Amino acid sequence: MLTIERYRKEWELMRNAFPEFTAYAIPPRFGWQGYLKGDRTGRHYEVVLEADESDYPGSRPSVFINPRFGGNWLANGALCIADYWDAGYHTFANTVLRVIEYMEKNGA
């Protein structure tokens, strides 16, 4: 379950690492939204990272990219990032780093 302390740390990390992303909350969902530019395409991709207050940080946030590219998409429209998630280590900010890595590997 999300605590105020954890949210403050997440907010600070995102503000410092990705200040172009904006925080939002529509309880019980919360997250960040911003744009990343594809190195190869030069196109701007909307990126939304979203989690449920009752599940986070126990579960990784969902990642939505518009427009979609590549083939790793779940039925709910989220990007499938199927690696290990450690609630004590992983954050929204390092999830953005994973998105950047995905973009680089998949031709964005």
C-alpha atoms as a PDB file:
ATOM      1  CA  MET A   1       0.000   0.000   0.000  1.00  0.00           C
ATOM      2  CA  LEU A   2       1.239   3.458  -0.896  1.00  0.00           C
ATOM      3  CA  THR A   3       2.353   5.560   2.057  1.00  0.00           C
ATOM      4  CA  ILE A   4       2.704   9.338   2.122  1.00  0.00           C
ATOM      5  CA  GLU A   5       6.456   8.941   2.700  1.00  0.00           C
ATOM      6  CA  ARG A   6       6.830   6.664  -0.344  1.00  0.00           C
ATOM      7  CA  TYR A   7       4.794   9.044  -2.513  1.00  0.00           C
ATOM      8  CA  ARG A   8       6.978  11.985  -1.430  1.00  0.00           C
ATOM      9  CA  LYS A   9      10.129  10.049  -2.356  1.00  0.00           C
ATOM     10  CA  GLU A  10       8.660   9.021  -5.717  1.00  0.00           C
ATOM     11  CA  TRP A  11       7.598  12.609  -6.401  1.00  0.00           C
ATOM     12  CA  GLU A  12      11.080  13.915  -5.562  1.00  0.00           C
ATOM     13  CA  LEU A  13      12.797  11.312  -7.756  1.00  0.00           C
ATOM     14  CA  MET A  14      10.516  12.062 -10.696  1.00  0.00           C
ATOM     15  CA  ARG A  15      10.873  15.832 -10.229  1.00  0.00           C
ATOM     16  CA  ASN A  16      14.670  15.550 -10.217  1.00  0.00           C
ATOM     17  CA  ALA A  17      15.127  12.901 -12.930  1.00  0.00           C
ATOM     18  CA  PHE A  18      12.195  13.660 -15.237  1.00  0.00           C
ATOM     19  CA  PRO A  19      10.896  17.174 -14.523  1.00  0.00           C
ATOM     20  CA  GLU A  20       8.977  17.157 -17.814  1.00  0.00           C
ATOM     21  CA  PHE A  21       6.614  14.513 -16.377  1.00  0.00           C
ATOM     22  CA  THR A  22       3.523  15.705 -14.513  1.00  0.00           C
ATOM     23  CA  ALA A  23       2.064  13.927 -11.487  1.00  0.00           C
ATOM     24  CA  TYR A  24      -1.657  13.170 -11.390  1.00  0.00           C
ATOM     25  CA  ALA A  25      -4.076  11.381  -9.105  1.00  0.00           C
ATOM     26  CA  ILE A  26      -7.569  10.067  -9.751  1.00  0.00           C
ATOM     27  CA  PRO A  27      -7.996   7.948  -6.612  1.00  0.00           C
ATOM     28  CA  PRO A  28      -7.339   5.139  -6.278  1.00  0.00           C
ATOM     29  CA  ARG A  29      -5.088   5.511  -9.366  1.00  0.00           C
ATOM     30  CA  PHE A  30      -2.075   7.822  -9.490  1.00  0.00           C
ATOM     31  CA  GLY A  31       0.977   8.295 -11.626  1.00  0.00           C
ATOM     32  CA  TRP A  32       2.954  10.516 -13.998  1.00  0.00           C
ATOM     33  CA  GLN A  33       2.442  11.568 -17.600  1.00  0.00           C
ATOM     34  CA  GLY A  34       4.933  13.049 -20.018  1.00  0.00           C
ATOM     35  CA  TYR A  35       6.552  12.778 -23.418  1.00  0.00           C
ATOM     36  CA  LEU A  36       9.742  11.081 -24.559  1.00  0.00           C
ATOM     37  CA  LYS A  37      11.336  11.709 -27.929  1.00  0.00           C
ATOM     38  CA  GLY A  38      12.355   8.688 -29.960  1.00  0.00           C
ATOM     39  CA  ASP A  39      16.026   8.917 -30.972  1.00  0.00           C
ATOM     40  CA  ARG A  40      15.508   7.133 -34.284  1.00  0.00           C
ATOM     41  CA  THR A  41      12.094   8.510 -35.278  1.00  0.00           C
ATOM     42  CA  GLY A  42      12.340  11.983 -33.757  1.00  0.00           C
ATOM     43  CA  ARG A  43       8.712  11.495 -32.777  1.00  0.00           C
ATOM     44  CA  HIS A  44       7.310  12.418 -29.356  1.00  0.00           C
ATOM     45  CA  TYR A  45       5.624   9.548 -27.539  1.00  0.00           C
ATOM     46  CA  GLU A  46       3.150  10.120 -24.746  1.00  0.00           C
ATOM     47  CA  VAL A  47       4.107   7.977 -21.752  1.00  0.00           C
ATOM     48  CA  VAL A  48       1.740   7.355 -18.851  1.00  0.00           C
ATOM     49  CA  LEU A  49       2.882   5.480 -15.747  1.00  0.00           C
ATOM     50  CA  GLU A  50       0.029   4.492 -13.466  1.00  0.00           C
ATOM     51  CA  ALA A  51      -0.451   2.461 -10.301  1.00  0.00           C
ATOM     52  CA  ASP A  52      -3.155   1.705  -7.767  1.00  0.00           C
ATOM     53  CA  GLU A  53      -2.649   3.100  -4.257  1.00  0.00           C
ATOM     54  CA  SER A  54      -3.587  -0.251  -2.702  1.00  0.00           C
ATOM     55  CA  ASP A  55      -1.052  -2.247  -4.798  1.00  0.00           C
ATOM     56  CA  TYR A  56       1.927   0.090  -5.101  1.00  0.00           C
ATOM     57  CA  PRO A  57       4.827  -0.368  -4.414  1.00  0.00           C
ATOM     58  CA  GLY A  58       4.154  -4.097  -4.187  1.00  0.00           C
ATOM     59  CA  SER A  59       3.376  -4.172  -7.915  1.00  0.00           C
ATOM     60  CA  ARG A  60       5.074  -2.305 -10.746  1.00  0.00           C
ATOM     61  CA  PRO A  61       3.188   0.583 -12.328  1.00  0.00           C
ATOM     62  CA  SER A  62       1.437   0.056 -15.649  1.00  0.00           C
ATOM     63  CA  VAL A  63       3.070   1.780 -18.621  1.00  0.00           C
ATOM     64  CA  PHE A  64       1.070   3.132 -21.556  1.00  0.00           C
ATOM     65  CA  ILE A  65       2.757   4.580 -24.643  1.00  0.00           C
ATOM     66  CA  ASN A  66       0.977   6.430 -27.410  1.00  0.00           C
ATOM     67  CA  PRO A  67       1.456   5.732 -30.230  1.00  0.00           C
ATOM     68  CA  ARG A  68       2.315   2.101 -29.603  1.00  0.00           C
ATOM     69  CA  PHE A  69       5.219   0.392 -31.330  1.00  0.00           C
ATOM     70  CA  GLY A  70       6.875  -2.994 -30.987  1.00  0.00           C
ATOM     71  CA  GLY A  71       5.024  -6.105 -29.895  1.00  0.00           C
ATOM     72  CA  ASN A  72       5.081  -6.279 -26.078  1.00  0.00           C
ATOM     73  CA  TRP A  73       1.532  -5.145 -25.231  1.00  0.00           C
ATOM     74  CA  LEU A  74      -0.902  -6.590 -22.708  1.00  0.00           C
ATOM     75  CA  ALA A  75      -4.664  -6.926 -23.267  1.00  0.00           C
ATOM     76  CA  ASN A  76      -5.313  -3.776 -21.188  1.00  0.00           C
ATOM     77  CA  GLY A  77      -3.076  -1.716 -23.508  1.00  0.00           C
ATOM     78  CA  ALA A  78      -0.119  -1.556 -21.119  1.00  0.00           C
ATOM     79  CA  LEU A  79       3.461  -2.291 -22.128  1.00  0.00           C
ATOM     80  CA  CYS A  80       4.652  -5.673 -20.862  1.00  0.00           C
ATOM     81  CA  ILE A  81       7.858  -5.213 -18.867  1.00  0.00           C
ATOM     82  CA  ALA A  82       8.413  -8.717 -17.568  1.00  0.00           C
ATOM     83  CA  ASP A  83      11.512  -8.352 -15.443  1.00  0.00           C
ATOM     84  CA  TYR A  84      11.977  -8.576 -11.697  1.00  0.00           C
ATOM     85  CA  TRP A  85      10.286  -5.926  -9.498  1.00  0.00           C
ATOM     86  CA  ASP A  86      11.711  -5.099  -6.053  1.00  0.00           C
ATOM     87  CA  ALA A  87       9.497  -2.671  -4.138  1.00  0.00           C
ATOM     88  CA  GLY A  88      12.435  -1.543  -2.004  1.00  0.00           C
ATOM     89  CA  TYR A  89      14.556  -0.652  -5.013  1.00  0.00           C
ATOM     90  CA  HIS A  90      12.387   0.048  -8.058  1.00  0.00           C
ATOM     91  CA  THR A  91      10.501   3.303  -8.552  1.00  0.00           C
ATOM     92  CA  PHE A  92       8.507   5.215 -11.140  1.00  0.00           C
ATOM     93  CA  ALA A  93      11.758   6.919 -12.165  1.00  0.00           C
ATOM     94  CA  ASN A  94      13.548   3.670 -12.956  1.00  0.00           C
ATOM     95  CA  THR A  95      10.434   2.512 -14.774  1.00  0.00           C
ATOM     96  CA  VAL A  96      10.877   5.518 -17.077  1.00  0.00           C
ATOM     97  CA  LEU A  97      14.454   4.340 -17.645  1.00  0.00           C
ATOM     98  CA  ARG A  98      13.067   0.933 -18.674  1.00  0.00           C
ATOM     99  CA  VAL A  99      10.713   2.678 -21.112  1.00  0.00           C
ATOM    100  CA  ILE A 100      13.654   4.571 -22.621  1.00  0.00           C
ATOM    101  CA  GLU A 101      15.542   1.285 -22.963  1.00  0.00           C
ATOM    102  CA  TYR A 102      12.500  -0.316 -24.634  1.00  0.00           C
ATOM    103  CA  MET A 103      12.259   2.626 -27.035  1.00  0.00           C
ATOM    104  CA  GLU A 104      15.932   2.346 -27.989  1.00  0.00           C
ATOM    105  CA  LYS A 105      15.726  -1.422 -28.566  1.00  0.00           C
ATOM    106  CA  ASN A 106      12.488  -1.252 -30.541  1.00  0.00           C
ATOM    107  CA  GLY A 107      13.274   1.520 -32.975  1.00  0.00           C
ATOM    108  CA  ALA A 108      11.410   4.491 -31.556  1.00  0.00           C
END
